[in-house]
Amino acid sequence: MSAPAPSTLAIVDAEPLPRQEEVLTDAALAFVAELHRRFTPRRDELLARRAERRAEIARTSTLDFLPETAAIRADDSWKVAPAPAALNDRRVEITGPTDRKMTINALNSGAKVWLADFEDASAPTWENVVLGQLNLASAYTRSIDFTDERTGKSYALRPDAELATVVMRPRGWHLDERHLQVDGRPVPGALVDFGLYFFHNAQRLLDLGKGPYFYLPKTESHLEARLWNEVFVFAQDYVGIPQGTVRATVLIETITAAYEMEEILYELRDHASGLNAGRWDYLFSIVKNFRDGGAKFVLPDRNAVTMTAPFMRAYTELLVRTCHKRGAHAIGGMAAFIPSRRDAEVNKVAFEKVRADKDREAGDGFDGSWVAHPDLVPIAMESFDKVLGDKPNQKDRLREDVDVKAADLIAVDSLEAKPTYAGLVNAVQVGIRYIEAWLRGLGAVAIFNLMEDAATAEISRSQIWQWINAEVVLDNGEQVTADLARKVAAEELAGIRAEIGDEAFAAGNWQQAHDLLLTVSLDEDYADFLTLPAYEQLKG
């Protein structure tokens, strides 16, 4: 008796989109379905392992480098594969979602790399998931343009030689795509984003002298990196391109991954191109994992936790040393400032902070760094040009002076700053304003002159939760309680209504955003990711 034919992938509860047939071809969907069948069971096991590890941290309030992988760390002989030419110089990278306007502006920005984001800078509406793929494919065939209906301004791509190299970021392992299902089960968003992009563009990118390059988010262990490596090996064979064509940069944006940087590079060594220091998610991960660890793990206001904090210096310096020891690129953190068209003084102060931040990263040995706005590209470029000159990177700078102990990475109590009432207000303000925009399908949102993404909302709600549960007393003498959080949230909601007017308030998702922020900030059971309950409320 012959085996039953494998079930096909079904599109569920999705409104048809213009030109979706160019993305959702039978062949591409068959590839995504095969990825799901082969790799989702292992994904599920690894998500369960996350919960087990978190329970162990709750019990011990500590982390250490893994004894079972000590031999990998001690073996100086292995290196990651050499960087392809298109990824050898990464001194400035710009990040942003994959809408048409951003696609053109990011490619034209003058940055060496564009992180084309299907993750934290993109709310996963069906439109964003599918049309983002269409925009990238159209960019590679130079069939993309954009005219702003409001201003009449037109946007078009510069010559190929002037365009940034694309490194695409799929969703993290924990998120599913409800609109694509196999046997009634949603396909992981990571496999949807990777699969559609890789299937349509891998060969096309090779023909352009580049390749399918990826940023891997929210990785929590080397075993999760191993799963990605298995996906890459299978995918390259499936479409018939050489093994090692894929290149992946892993975001070290969880505290557990910080203890496994070498192992992560080792698992991906034939496909690895670097590690990145993702700041806000990293702080969110510290709070999430050590949220019941008592006063020593209480973070102050997020803006008071700078990259010069001892435990953040330990993290970034260890990342540079690890990458360069293994021949990989070390990519620095985000400059999130959004220049103001109206306030030159705000710009002056912010540009000085960005310059100091990028000077520090270049001086520490990073090979490149992130910005969120095209106007910041020249500032970051100048910082790295001063250090690199004509060299594409500084991987020869081994930073053997760096000696980071396990305890250094979680020495949160080395900070002198303490939580403040203004910090609580800011967390509530940013949380409500970001979630409201996310529920409208926007993942990258300018708030108070900063480009915020989902990581921002995560650190905001996590700090509110932590401060309440740790019974933190603020600088004004008030203890943080659920009632105080509700009071601040009510005041912010009233302030927004007064600021934008009743009509605009009613047209938005403000009450919904307020309620969701309080739910994930006040519930006794801490939600692993804000985007999981938020996705249930996301339309489209």
Protein backbone atom coordinates (compact mmCIF):
# COMPACT_ATOMS: atom_id res chain seq x y z
CA MET A 1 0.00 0.00 0.00
CA SER A 2 1.44 3.36 -1.03
CA ALA A 3 1.99 6.10 1.53
CA PRO A 4 -0.62 8.87 1.53
CA ALA A 5 0.33 12.02 -0.35
CA PRO A 6 1.60 14.74 1.99
CA SER A 7 -0.99 17.34 2.87
CA THR A 8 -0.79 20.61 1.03
CA LEU A 9 -0.42 24.00 2.60
CA ALA A 10 -3.68 25.94 2.94
CA ILE A 11 -4.20 29.72 2.95
CA VAL A 12 -6.68 30.44 5.76
CA ASP A 13 -8.85 33.51 6.50
CA ALA A 14 -6.79 35.81 4.30
CA GLU A 15 -8.15 38.55 2.08
CA PRO A 16 -6.70 38.35 -1.45
CA LEU A 17 -3.91 40.85 -2.09
CA PRO A 18 -2.79 42.45 -5.35
CA ARG A 19 -0.12 40.33 -7.08
CA GLN A 20 -0.07 37.77 -4.26
CA GLU A 21 0.06 35.02 -6.89
CA GLU A 22 3.65 36.11 -7.64
CA VAL A 23 4.63 35.21 -4.08
CA LEU A 24 2.23 32.42 -3.17
CA THR A 25 3.02 30.13 -6.09
CA ASP A 26 2.27 26.42 -5.83
CA ALA A 27 5.98 25.63 -5.94
CA ALA A 28 6.86 28.15 -3.20
CA LEU A 29 4.04 26.94 -0.96
CA ALA A 30 5.12 23.31 -1.48
CA PHE A 31 8.61 24.30 -0.31
CA VAL A 32 7.24 26.04 2.80
CA ALA A 33 5.06 23.00 3.55
CA GLU A 34 8.11 20.74 3.31
CA LEU A 35 10.06 23.01 5.68
CA HIS A 36 7.15 22.79 8.10
CA ARG A 37 6.95 19.00 7.98
CA ARG A 38 10.68 18.54 8.45
CA PHE A 39 11.52 21.19 11.01
CA THR A 40 8.47 22.28 13.04
CA PRO A 41 8.58 19.21 15.35
CA ARG A 42 12.15 20.10 16.36
CA ARG A 43 11.14 23.77 16.72
CA ASP A 44 8.44 22.67 19.17
CA GLU A 45 10.94 20.68 21.23
CA LEU A 46 13.27 23.68 21.41
CA LEU A 47 10.47 25.98 22.57
CA ALA A 48 9.70 23.50 25.35
CA ARG A 49 13.39 23.49 26.24
CA ARG A 50 13.25 27.29 26.63
CA ALA A 51 10.60 26.89 29.32
CA GLU A 52 12.69 24.25 31.13
CA ARG A 53 15.74 26.49 31.09
CA ARG A 54 13.76 29.47 32.34
CA ALA A 55 12.49 27.33 35.25
CA GLU A 56 16.08 26.44 36.11
CA ILE A 57 17.05 30.14 36.11
CA ALA A 58 14.10 30.90 38.40
CA ARG A 59 15.42 28.23 40.78
CA THR A 60 19.10 29.26 40.76
CA SER A 61 19.13 32.97 39.73
CA THR A 62 22.32 32.38 37.78
CA LEU A 63 23.76 31.34 34.41
CA ASP A 64 27.12 29.95 33.35
CA PHE A 65 29.00 28.93 30.24
CA LEU A 66 28.04 25.38 29.26
CA PRO A 67 30.37 22.65 30.62
CA GLU A 68 29.26 20.19 27.92
CA THR A 69 30.55 22.47 25.12
CA ALA A 70 33.85 23.48 26.76
CA ALA A 71 35.82 21.59 24.10
CA ILE A 72 34.32 23.73 21.32
CA ARG A 73 35.33 26.91 23.15
CA ALA A 74 38.82 25.58 23.86
CA ASP A 75 39.51 24.46 20.28
CA ASP A 76 41.24 27.38 18.57
CA SER A 77 41.43 25.66 15.19
CA TRP A 78 37.92 26.25 13.84
CA LYS A 79 36.70 29.38 12.07
CA VAL A 80 33.49 30.37 10.31
CA ALA A 81 33.45 30.39 6.51
CA PRO A 82 35.09 33.45 4.89
CA ALA A 83 32.70 36.32 4.24
CA PRO A 84 31.43 36.69 0.67
CA ALA A 85 32.47 39.92 -1.02
CA ALA A 86 29.00 41.45 -0.60
CA LEU A 87 29.23 41.03 3.20
CA ASN A 88 32.90 41.80 3.81
CA ASP A 89 32.37 45.52 4.50
CA ARG A 90 29.43 46.08 6.84
CA ARG A 91 30.51 49.30 8.53
CA VAL A 92 27.02 50.83 8.50
CA GLU A 93 23.74 48.92 8.38
CA ILE A 94 20.27 50.48 8.22
CA THR A 95 17.21 48.66 9.56
CA GLY A 96 13.54 48.88 8.73
CA PRO A 97 10.39 47.16 7.46
CA THR A 98 9.84 46.05 3.87
CA ASP A 99 7.11 48.42 2.67
CA ARG A 100 7.71 49.90 -0.80
CA LYS A 101 8.96 53.31 0.31
CA MET A 102 11.33 51.89 2.95
CA THR A 103 12.63 49.29 0.50
CA ILE A 104 13.71 51.99 -1.94
CA ASN A 105 15.00 54.43 0.69
CA ALA A 106 16.98 51.78 2.59
CA LEU A 107 18.60 50.41 -0.55
CA ASN A 108 19.46 53.98 -1.60
CA SER A 109 20.59 55.11 1.87
CA GLY A 110 24.34 54.80 1.39
CA ALA A 111 24.53 52.12 4.08
CA LYS A 112 26.50 48.99 3.22
CA VAL A 113 23.69 46.67 4.41
CA TRP A 114 19.93 46.91 4.81
CA LEU A 115 18.34 44.69 7.45
CA ALA A 116 15.03 44.04 5.66
CA ASP A 117 12.83 43.28 8.61
CA PHE A 118 9.89 40.88 8.85
CA GLU A 119 10.37 40.70 12.62
CA ASP A 120 10.30 43.42 15.29
CA ALA A 121 9.99 46.36 12.86
CA SER A 122 7.03 44.78 11.07
CA ALA A 123 3.61 43.92 12.49
CA PRO A 124 2.80 40.54 10.91
CA THR A 125 -0.39 41.41 9.06
CA TRP A 126 -0.99 39.22 6.01
CA GLU A 127 -0.42 42.30 3.84
CA ASN A 128 2.97 43.01 5.42
CA VAL A 129 4.03 39.35 5.19
CA VAL A 130 3.13 38.89 1.51
CA LEU A 131 3.69 42.32 0.01
CA GLY A 132 7.00 42.66 1.86
CA GLN A 133 8.16 39.59 -0.04
CA LEU A 134 6.88 41.09 -3.28
CA ASN A 135 8.75 44.34 -2.64
CA LEU A 136 12.08 42.56 -2.13
CA ALA A 137 11.67 40.43 -5.25
CA SER A 138 10.68 43.55 -7.21
CA ALA A 139 13.78 45.37 -5.95
CA TYR A 140 16.03 42.59 -7.25
CA THR A 141 14.40 42.79 -10.69
CA ARG A 142 14.45 46.62 -10.52
CA SER A 143 10.70 46.72 -11.09
CA ILE A 144 9.89 48.72 -7.95
CA ASP A 145 9.04 52.41 -7.62
CA PHE A 146 6.95 54.52 -5.27
CA THR A 147 5.04 57.81 -5.43
CA ASP A 148 3.89 59.42 -2.21
CA GLU A 149 0.21 60.29 -2.71
CA ARG A 150 0.42 63.04 -0.09
CA THR A 151 3.46 64.90 -1.42
CA GLY A 152 3.63 63.68 -5.01
CA LYS A 153 7.30 62.81 -4.50
CA SER A 154 8.59 59.83 -6.51
CA TYR A 155 11.19 57.31 -5.39
CA ALA A 156 13.29 55.02 -7.61
CA LEU A 157 16.34 52.82 -7.15
CA ARG A 158 19.87 54.07 -7.73
CA PRO A 159 22.28 52.03 -9.90
CA ASP A 160 22.95 48.51 -8.60
CA ALA A 161 26.51 49.33 -7.49
CA GLU A 162 25.16 52.00 -5.09
CA LEU A 163 22.55 49.81 -3.39
CA ALA A 164 22.87 48.31 0.07
CA THR A 165 23.23 44.53 0.39
CA VAL A 166 20.06 42.99 1.81
CA VAL A 167 20.18 40.85 4.95
CA MET A 168 16.63 39.67 5.62
CA ARG A 169 15.31 39.05 9.14
CA PRO A 170 12.50 36.47 9.46
CA ARG A 171 10.29 36.19 12.50
CA GLY A 172 11.56 34.41 15.62
CA TRP A 173 10.94 30.72 16.30
CA HIS A 174 8.12 31.43 18.78
CA LEU A 175 5.73 33.13 16.32
CA ASP A 176 3.31 31.27 14.07
CA GLU A 177 1.69 32.44 10.82
CA ARG A 178 -2.04 31.82 11.25
CA HIS A 179 -2.86 32.34 7.57
CA LEU A 180 -0.72 29.43 6.34
CA GLN A 181 -1.57 26.01 7.74
CA VAL A 182 -0.72 22.35 7.15
CA ASP A 183 -3.24 19.84 8.49
CA GLY A 184 -4.95 22.66 10.37
CA ARG A 185 -1.76 23.68 12.14
CA PRO A 186 -0.14 27.10 11.56
CA VAL A 187 3.33 27.15 10.04
CA PRO A 188 6.05 28.90 12.10
CA GLY A 189 6.44 32.47 10.87
CA ALA A 190 10.20 31.94 10.67
CA LEU A 191 9.77 29.19 8.09
CA VAL A 192 7.19 31.20 6.12
CA ASP A 193 9.40 34.28 5.90
CA PHE A 194 12.58 32.36 5.21
CA GLY A 195 10.93 29.91 2.83
CA LEU A 196 9.17 32.41 0.57
CA TYR A 197 12.20 34.68 0.40
CA PHE A 198 14.73 31.92 -0.19
CA PHE A 199 12.65 30.07 -2.78
CA HIS A 200 12.03 33.14 -4.94
CA ASN A 201 15.35 34.95 -4.53
CA ALA A 202 18.26 32.60 -3.80
CA GLN A 203 19.28 32.05 -7.42
CA ARG A 204 18.32 35.59 -8.40
CA LEU A 205 20.67 36.98 -5.74
CA LEU A 206 23.50 34.72 -6.84
CA ASP A 207 23.05 36.03 -10.39
CA LEU A 208 23.44 39.56 -8.96
CA GLY A 209 26.74 38.64 -7.29
CA LYS A 210 25.21 38.44 -3.82
CA GLY A 211 23.32 35.72 -1.99
CA PRO A 212 20.51 34.82 0.42
CA TYR A 213 21.67 36.46 3.63
CA PHE A 214 19.73 36.37 6.91
CA TYR A 215 19.62 37.89 10.38
CA LEU A 216 18.40 35.32 12.92
CA PRO A 217 16.45 36.86 15.82
CA LYS A 218 15.58 35.81 19.37
CA THR A 219 17.96 32.82 19.35
CA GLU A 220 18.26 31.42 22.86
CA SER A 221 20.71 28.54 22.42
CA HIS A 222 23.21 26.88 20.11
CA LEU A 223 20.66 24.11 19.56
CA GLU A 224 18.34 26.66 17.97
CA ALA A 225 21.21 27.77 15.75
CA ARG A 226 21.77 24.11 14.84
CA LEU A 227 18.15 23.89 13.69
CA TRP A 228 18.64 26.92 11.43
CA ASN A 229 21.75 25.30 10.00
CA GLU A 230 19.74 22.17 9.17
CA VAL A 231 17.14 24.36 7.47
CA PHE A 232 19.85 26.02 5.37
CA VAL A 233 21.42 22.73 4.32
CA PHE A 234 18.07 21.31 3.23
CA ALA A 235 16.99 24.51 1.46
CA GLN A 236 20.20 24.83 -0.58
CA ASP A 237 19.87 21.25 -1.79
CA TYR A 238 16.17 21.72 -2.53
CA VAL A 239 16.69 24.61 -4.96
CA GLY A 240 20.04 23.35 -6.26
CA ILE A 241 22.50 26.01 -5.13
CA PRO A 242 25.91 25.29 -3.56
CA GLN A 243 26.16 24.51 0.13
CA GLY A 244 27.54 27.52 2.00
CA THR A 245 25.72 30.04 -0.18
CA VAL A 246 23.47 31.10 2.69
CA ARG A 247 25.02 33.45 5.25
CA ALA A 248 23.47 34.12 8.66
CA THR A 249 24.19 36.79 11.26
CA VAL A 250 22.78 35.90 14.67
CA LEU A 251 21.43 38.55 17.00
CA ILE A 252 22.78 37.98 20.50
CA GLU A 253 19.72 39.57 22.06
CA THR A 254 18.92 37.04 24.76
CA ILE A 255 20.90 36.57 27.94
CA THR A 256 21.10 32.79 27.45
CA ALA A 257 22.61 33.19 23.97
CA ALA A 258 25.30 35.48 25.44
CA TYR A 259 26.68 32.40 27.23
CA GLU A 260 26.73 30.38 23.98
CA MET A 261 28.18 32.77 21.39
CA GLU A 262 31.03 30.49 20.33
CA GLU A 263 28.75 27.47 20.18
CA ILE A 264 26.23 29.39 18.03
CA LEU A 265 28.98 30.31 15.56
CA TYR A 266 30.22 26.72 15.61
CA GLU A 267 26.81 25.27 14.75
CA LEU A 268 26.46 27.70 11.83
CA ARG A 269 30.14 27.80 10.91
CA ASP A 270 29.65 26.97 7.20
CA HIS A 271 26.89 29.59 6.99
CA ALA A 272 27.82 32.12 9.69
CA SER A 273 28.84 35.68 8.93
CA GLY A 274 28.67 37.35 12.33
CA LEU A 275 26.92 38.24 15.56
CA ASN A 276 25.04 41.41 16.46
CA ALA A 277 24.54 43.16 19.81
CA GLY A 278 20.76 43.76 19.99
CA ARG A 279 20.31 46.11 22.92
CA TRP A 280 16.65 46.44 23.88
CA ASP A 281 15.76 42.78 23.40
CA TYR A 282 18.83 41.87 25.44
CA LEU A 283 17.62 43.96 28.39
CA PHE A 284 14.12 42.52 27.95
CA SER A 285 15.61 39.03 28.10
CA ILE A 286 17.49 39.80 31.32
CA VAL A 287 14.31 41.05 32.98
CA LYS A 288 12.27 38.12 31.63
CA ASN A 289 14.71 35.47 32.81
CA PHE A 290 15.62 37.01 36.17
CA ARG A 291 12.29 38.67 36.92
CA ASP A 292 11.92 36.80 40.20
CA GLY A 293 15.59 37.12 41.17
CA GLY A 294 15.06 39.93 43.65
CA ALA A 295 16.45 43.44 43.97
CA LYS A 296 19.88 42.65 42.48
CA PHE A 297 18.27 42.11 39.05
CA VAL A 298 16.02 45.19 39.03
CA LEU A 299 16.87 47.40 36.05
CA PRO A 300 16.54 51.18 36.31
CA ASP A 301 14.82 53.30 33.63
CA ARG A 302 15.67 51.85 30.23
CA ASN A 303 17.29 55.10 29.06
CA ALA A 304 19.59 54.98 32.10
CA VAL A 305 21.02 51.62 31.00
CA THR A 306 23.66 52.79 28.55
CA MET A 307 26.16 50.64 26.71
CA THR A 308 28.83 51.82 29.17
CA ALA A 309 27.10 49.96 32.03
CA PRO A 310 29.57 47.29 33.25
CA PHE A 311 27.35 44.30 32.41
CA MET A 312 26.61 45.73 28.95
CA ARG A 313 30.33 46.38 28.35
CA ALA A 314 31.01 42.76 29.30
CA TYR A 315 28.42 41.58 26.77
CA THR A 316 29.65 43.71 23.86
CA GLU A 317 33.35 43.15 24.45
CA LEU A 318 32.85 39.41 24.75
CA LEU A 319 30.90 39.52 21.48
CA VAL A 320 33.74 41.29 19.64
CA ARG A 321 36.37 38.95 21.04
CA THR A 322 34.29 35.86 20.19
CA CYS A 323 33.56 36.98 16.63
CA HIS A 324 37.12 37.94 15.78
CA LYS A 325 38.56 34.77 17.33
CA ARG A 326 36.37 32.83 14.90
CA GLY A 327 36.72 35.07 11.83
CA ALA A 328 33.20 36.49 12.03
CA HIS A 329 31.93 40.08 11.85
CA ALA A 330 30.91 41.82 15.07
CA ILE A 331 28.03 44.23 14.44
CA GLY A 332 27.10 46.87 17.00
CA GLY A 333 23.78 48.13 18.29
CA MET A 334 21.06 50.45 17.10
CA ALA A 335 21.16 54.24 16.90
CA ALA A 336 17.40 54.75 17.11
CA PHE A 337 17.26 58.56 16.91
CA ILE A 338 14.91 60.09 14.32
CA PRO A 339 16.02 63.58 13.24
CA SER A 340 13.52 66.36 13.83
CA ARG A 341 12.56 68.62 10.92
CA ARG A 342 11.58 71.32 13.40
CA ASP A 343 14.10 71.29 16.24
CA ALA A 344 17.75 71.83 15.33
CA GLU A 345 18.81 71.75 18.98
CA VAL A 346 17.26 68.29 19.50
CA ASN A 347 19.17 67.11 16.43
CA LYS A 348 22.46 68.59 17.63
CA VAL A 349 22.30 66.84 21.02
CA ALA A 350 21.15 63.54 19.50
CA PHE A 351 23.75 63.57 16.73
CA GLU A 352 26.48 64.05 19.36
CA LYS A 353 25.16 61.02 21.29
CA VAL A 354 25.02 58.91 18.13
CA ARG A 355 28.55 59.94 17.17
CA ALA A 356 29.88 59.10 20.65
CA ASP A 357 28.13 55.73 20.57
CA LYS A 358 29.50 54.81 17.14
CA ASP A 359 32.99 56.10 18.01
CA ARG A 360 32.94 53.82 21.07
CA GLU A 361 31.82 50.79 19.03
CA ALA A 362 34.43 51.35 16.32
CA GLY A 363 37.07 51.86 19.02
CA ASP A 364 36.03 48.65 20.77
CA GLY A 365 36.61 46.62 17.62
CA PHE A 366 33.15 46.30 16.08
CA ASP A 367 33.15 45.93 12.30
CA GLY A 368 29.93 47.88 11.79
CA SER A 369 26.79 49.14 13.46
CA TRP A 370 23.08 49.88 12.99
CA VAL A 371 21.15 53.07 12.37
CA ALA A 372 17.39 53.56 12.00
CA HIS A 373 17.33 56.63 9.72
CA PRO A 374 19.20 57.58 6.50
CA ASP A 375 20.36 60.88 8.06
CA LEU A 376 22.42 58.87 10.57
CA VAL A 377 24.28 56.89 7.91
CA PRO A 378 26.97 59.56 7.34
CA ILE A 379 27.54 59.98 11.10
CA ALA A 380 28.06 56.26 11.68
CA MET A 381 30.09 55.98 8.48
CA GLU A 382 32.47 58.70 9.68
CA SER A 383 33.02 56.91 13.00
CA PHE A 384 33.95 53.65 11.30
CA ASP A 385 35.89 55.28 8.46
CA LYS A 386 38.18 56.91 11.06
CA VAL A 387 39.08 53.50 12.48
CA LEU A 388 38.87 51.27 9.41
CA GLY A 389 40.20 53.56 6.70
CA ASP A 390 40.32 51.50 3.52
CA LYS A 391 40.04 48.17 5.37
CA PRO A 392 36.64 46.45 5.03
CA ASN A 393 36.61 45.36 8.69
CA GLN A 394 38.87 44.94 11.72
CA LYS A 395 38.52 41.22 12.30
CA ASP A 396 42.31 41.10 12.75
CA ARG A 397 41.82 42.96 16.06
CA LEU A 398 41.44 39.96 18.35
CA ARG A 399 40.71 41.75 21.65
CA GLU A 400 42.66 39.15 23.62
CA ASP A 401 42.73 41.70 26.44
CA VAL A 402 39.05 40.95 27.11
CA ASP A 403 38.38 38.49 29.95
CA VAL A 404 34.69 38.20 30.78
CA LYS A 405 33.55 35.94 33.60
CA ALA A 406 30.09 34.36 33.73
CA ALA A 407 29.00 36.61 36.60
CA ASP A 408 29.99 39.78 34.71
CA LEU A 409 27.16 39.31 32.19
CA ILE A 410 24.45 39.42 34.86
CA ALA A 411 25.98 41.98 37.22
CA VAL A 412 22.91 44.20 36.92
CA ASP A 413 23.46 45.51 40.44
CA SER A 414 26.68 47.19 39.29
CA LEU A 415 24.48 50.05 38.04
CA GLU A 416 24.12 53.08 40.26
CA ALA A 417 20.97 54.38 38.53
CA LYS A 418 17.64 53.54 40.16
CA PRO A 419 14.05 53.38 38.85
CA THR A 420 12.29 56.76 38.73
CA TYR A 421 8.72 57.95 38.45
CA ALA A 422 9.61 59.57 35.12
CA GLY A 423 10.88 56.18 33.95
CA LEU A 424 7.58 54.53 34.87
CA VAL A 425 5.66 57.22 32.99
CA ASN A 426 7.91 56.80 29.94
CA ALA A 427 7.45 53.02 29.95
CA VAL A 428 3.67 53.44 29.99
CA GLN A 429 3.70 56.17 27.34
CA VAL A 430 5.92 54.29 24.92
CA GLY A 431 4.14 51.00 25.57
CA ILE A 432 0.66 52.35 24.79
CA ARG A 433 1.77 54.39 21.78
CA TYR A 434 3.77 51.54 20.27
CA ILE A 435 1.10 48.86 20.79
CA GLU A 436 -1.58 51.13 19.27
CA ALA A 437 0.49 51.54 16.11
CA TRP A 438 1.34 47.83 16.00
CA LEU A 439 -2.35 46.96 16.10
CA ARG A 440 -2.74 49.20 13.01
CA GLY A 441 -0.07 47.14 11.23
CA LEU A 442 2.96 49.36 11.91
CA GLY A 443 6.02 47.74 13.45
CA ALA A 444 8.53 50.61 13.25
CA VAL A 445 7.13 53.68 14.98
CA ALA A 446 8.66 57.10 15.71
CA ILE A 447 7.91 58.00 19.35
CA PHE A 448 9.54 60.99 21.07
CA ASN A 449 12.20 61.23 18.30
CA LEU A 450 13.21 57.56 18.59
CA MET A 451 12.43 54.77 16.15
CA GLU A 452 10.83 52.13 18.32
CA ASP A 453 10.03 48.52 17.48
CA ALA A 454 8.56 45.56 19.34
CA ALA A 455 11.65 45.23 21.55
CA THR A 456 10.86 48.66 22.99
CA ALA A 457 7.39 47.63 24.08
CA GLU A 458 8.81 44.40 25.52
CA ILE A 459 11.31 46.18 27.75
CA SER A 460 8.64 48.76 28.77
CA ARG A 461 6.06 46.21 29.92
CA SER A 462 8.72 43.94 31.45
CA GLN A 463 10.05 46.74 33.61
CA ILE A 464 6.57 47.67 34.81
CA TRP A 465 5.98 44.00 35.72
CA GLN A 466 9.37 43.70 37.42
CA TRP A 467 9.05 46.92 39.40
CA ILE A 468 5.63 45.91 40.71
CA ASN A 469 6.69 42.41 41.67
CA ALA A 470 9.97 43.58 43.25
CA GLU A 471 8.05 46.24 45.21
CA VAL A 472 10.35 48.96 43.89
CA VAL A 473 10.23 52.38 45.57
CA LEU A 474 10.75 55.22 43.08
CA ASP A 475 12.72 58.44 43.48
CA ASN A 476 9.57 60.31 44.59
CA GLY A 477 8.99 57.87 47.45
CA GLU A 478 6.09 56.01 45.79
CA GLN A 479 6.10 52.23 45.63
CA VAL A 480 5.28 50.78 42.22
CA THR A 481 1.99 48.92 42.45
CA ALA A 482 -0.62 47.71 39.99
CA ASP A 483 -2.81 50.63 41.07
CA LEU A 484 -0.03 53.14 40.35
CA ALA A 485 0.50 51.61 36.90
CA ARG A 486 -3.23 51.84 36.21
CA LYS A 487 -3.27 55.49 37.34
CA VAL A 488 -0.33 56.43 35.10
CA ALA A 489 -1.91 54.55 32.17
CA ALA A 490 -5.25 56.31 32.65
CA GLU A 491 -3.50 59.68 32.72
CA GLU A 492 -1.59 58.83 29.54
CA LEU A 493 -4.77 57.73 27.77
CA ALA A 494 -6.49 60.99 28.75
CA GLY A 495 -3.42 62.93 27.62
CA ILE A 496 -3.43 61.24 24.22
CA ARG A 497 -7.13 62.03 23.76
CA ALA A 498 -6.46 65.69 24.58
CA GLU A 499 -3.42 65.73 22.28
CA ILE A 500 -5.05 64.24 19.15
CA GLY A 501 -8.74 65.02 19.65
CA ASP A 502 -11.80 62.85 20.17
CA GLU A 503 -12.25 61.93 16.51
CA ALA A 504 -8.70 60.67 15.96
CA PHE A 505 -8.77 58.95 19.34
CA ALA A 506 -11.95 57.06 18.44
CA ALA A 507 -10.50 56.07 15.07
CA GLY A 508 -7.41 54.52 16.67
CA ASN A 509 -6.79 51.49 18.90
CA TRP A 510 -5.95 53.49 21.99
CA GLN A 511 -8.20 51.81 24.57
CA GLN A 512 -7.26 48.40 23.19
CA ALA A 513 -3.54 49.25 23.42
CA HIS A 514 -3.96 50.58 26.97
CA ASP A 515 -5.77 47.41 28.05
CA LEU A 516 -3.22 45.10 26.41
CA LEU A 517 -0.27 46.91 28.00
CA LEU A 518 -1.86 46.59 31.44
CA THR A 519 -2.71 42.93 30.85
CA VAL A 520 0.89 41.96 30.04
CA SER A 521 2.31 44.28 32.71
CA LEU A 522 0.04 43.29 35.60
CA ASP A 523 -0.85 39.64 35.06
CA GLU A 524 0.74 37.32 37.60
CA ASP A 525 1.58 34.92 34.76
CA TYR A 526 4.20 36.74 32.74
CA ALA A 527 3.61 36.35 28.98
CA ASP A 528 6.80 35.19 27.25
CA PHE A 529 6.27 37.65 24.39
CA LEU A 530 3.92 40.61 24.16
CA THR A 531 3.46 39.88 20.44
CA LEU A 532 1.74 36.55 21.18
CA PRO A 533 -1.43 38.03 22.80
CA ALA A 534 -1.14 41.08 20.53
CA TYR A 535 -1.19 38.87 17.42
CA GLU A 536 -4.57 37.50 18.52
CA GLN A 537 -5.92 41.06 18.31
CA LEU A 538 -4.11 42.06 15.10
CA LYS A 539 -6.46 42.47 12.16
CA GLY A 540 -5.39 41.32 8.71
